[in-house]
Each structure stands twice: as structure tokens, then as C-alpha cells.
């Protein structure tokens, strides 16, 4: 296991903005599958988190979601399936 205080800083580039994220190397190593790079691990975690958030918004909020949010969830889950090779429900054991 890497030194818990050792970190890696990743740059996230968007169309009109850039951000940096510093995370512990040991955590990246813990979450990595096989020989995944730090950007791949963080990308997986980011998409997984976003899929969780839109799923919760559409299926577990008190208000009925509009068509725009339902479509957004559909696009997100399609991207999730492309990246992970399984549906969100298969990955989490949670489906509707």
C-alpha cells in the first residue's frame, strides 16, 4: 500500500473551464481494478457518483420528475453502461 500521505493531482478539462483534484494515491490504488490509471479510476468514480445522483433525483425524490430529468437519467445510464459494460441496476443491485 502506498504511503497514505502521498497524493496525486489530476486536471479535469472541460470546454470552458479547468479544475484540479488532489486525492491520496493509496485510495486510487484501493479503488483501481487491474492496471487502471489514476484518471481512469477517478473517471469511474465520477460517472458512478453522477449516475447515483440522477437515479436518486428521478426515483427517490418526493416530487415527480419532469421529462427533462427522466431523459437526463436515460442518457447517463446509457453512458454508464458503455463505460462499465453493465447496467446501473446490475452494478448496484438496485433497479426499478
Protein backbone atom coordinates (compact mmCIF):
# COMPACT_ATOMS: atom_id res chain seq x y z
CA UNK A 1 0.00 0.00 0.00
CA UNK A 2 1.24 3.46 -0.87
CA UNK A 3 2.05 5.97 1.85
CA UNK A 4 -1.35 7.36 2.96
CA UNK A 5 0.00 10.91 2.81
CA UNK A 6 1.19 10.58 -0.83
CA UNK A 7 -1.17 12.34 -3.22
CA UNK A 8 -1.70 12.72 -6.93
CA UNK A 9 -3.20 15.81 -8.54
CA UNK A 10 -5.37 15.32 -11.61
CA UNK A 11 -6.53 18.00 -14.00
CA UNK A 12 -10.07 17.94 -15.31
CA UNK A 13 -10.51 19.84 -18.57
CA UNK A 14 -13.89 20.96 -19.85
CA UNK A 15 -14.96 23.06 -22.79
CA UNK A 16 -14.58 26.33 -20.94
CA UNK A 17 -13.08 25.52 -17.54
CA UNK A 18 -10.39 23.51 -15.80
CA UNK A 19 -10.27 22.12 -12.29
CA UNK A 20 -7.70 20.20 -10.29
CA UNK A 21 -8.41 17.39 -7.87
CA UNK A 22 -5.88 16.06 -5.37
CA UNK A 23 -6.51 12.58 -3.98
CA UNK A 24 -4.49 10.07 -1.97
CA UNK A 25 -2.56 7.61 -4.14
CA UNK A 26 -3.42 4.81 -1.69
CA UNK A 27 -7.13 5.47 -2.23
CA UNK A 28 -6.72 5.42 -6.01
CA UNK A 29 -4.82 2.12 -5.68
CA UNK A 30 -7.56 0.71 -3.46
CA UNK A 31 -10.30 1.60 -5.94
CA UNK A 32 -8.39 0.60 -9.08
CA UNK A 33 -9.33 -2.52 -10.97
CA UNK A 34 -6.33 -4.18 -12.53
CA UNK A 35 -3.88 -1.73 -14.02
CA UNK A 36 -6.23 1.27 -14.18
CA UNK A 37 -4.57 4.66 -14.18
CA UNK A 38 -5.47 7.37 -11.66
CA UNK A 39 -7.51 9.31 -14.27
CA UNK A 40 -9.46 6.15 -15.17
CA UNK A 41 -10.24 5.43 -11.50
CA UNK A 42 -11.37 9.00 -10.85
CA UNK A 43 -13.41 8.97 -14.07
CA UNK A 44 -15.15 5.78 -12.97
CA UNK A 45 -15.93 7.23 -9.55
CA UNK A 46 -17.19 10.48 -11.09
CA UNK A 47 -19.56 8.75 -13.53
CA UNK A 48 -20.73 6.33 -10.85
CA UNK A 49 -21.47 9.23 -8.48
CA UNK A 50 -23.31 11.17 -11.15
CA UNK A 51 -25.40 8.11 -12.03
CA UNK A 52 -26.27 7.70 -8.35
CA UNK A 53 -27.31 11.33 -8.06
CA UNK A 54 -29.58 11.36 -11.12
CA UNK A 55 -31.06 7.98 -10.12
CA UNK A 56 -31.90 9.33 -6.67
CA UNK A 57 -33.36 12.51 -8.15
CA UNK A 58 -35.60 10.63 -10.58
CA UNK A 59 -36.63 7.66 -8.44
CA UNK A 60 -36.31 8.68 -4.79
CA UNK A 61 -37.32 12.32 -4.50
CA UNK A 62 -40.72 13.41 -3.23
CA UNK A 63 -41.58 15.33 -6.38
CA UNK A 64 -42.43 13.70 -9.68
CA UNK A 65 -39.51 14.22 -12.08
CA UNK A 66 -40.10 16.07 -15.31
CA UNK A 67 -39.39 14.62 -18.74
CA UNK A 68 -36.10 16.51 -18.87
CA UNK A 69 -34.78 14.77 -15.75
CA UNK A 70 -36.01 11.38 -16.96
CA UNK A 71 -34.22 11.91 -20.27
CA UNK A 72 -31.09 13.01 -18.43
CA UNK A 73 -31.16 9.80 -16.39
CA UNK A 74 -31.56 7.75 -19.56
CA UNK A 75 -28.55 9.38 -21.22
CA UNK A 76 -26.49 8.99 -18.03
CA UNK A 77 -27.37 5.32 -17.64
CA UNK A 78 -26.54 4.69 -21.30
CA UNK A 79 -23.10 6.26 -20.75
CA UNK A 80 -22.74 4.22 -17.56
CA UNK A 81 -23.45 1.01 -19.44
CA UNK A 82 -20.99 1.93 -22.20
CA UNK A 83 -18.23 2.58 -19.68
CA UNK A 84 -18.82 -0.31 -17.27
CA UNK A 85 -20.33 -2.96 -19.55
CA UNK A 86 -23.33 -3.42 -17.26
CA UNK A 87 -26.44 -1.52 -16.32
CA UNK A 88 -26.63 0.72 -13.27
CA UNK A 89 -29.03 -1.79 -11.72
CA UNK A 90 -26.61 -4.67 -12.30
CA UNK A 91 -23.72 -2.69 -10.82
CA UNK A 92 -25.62 -1.66 -7.71
CA UNK A 93 -28.11 -4.49 -7.27
CA UNK A 94 -30.76 -1.77 -7.27
CA UNK A 95 -33.22 -1.30 -10.09
CA UNK A 96 -36.76 -0.10 -10.74
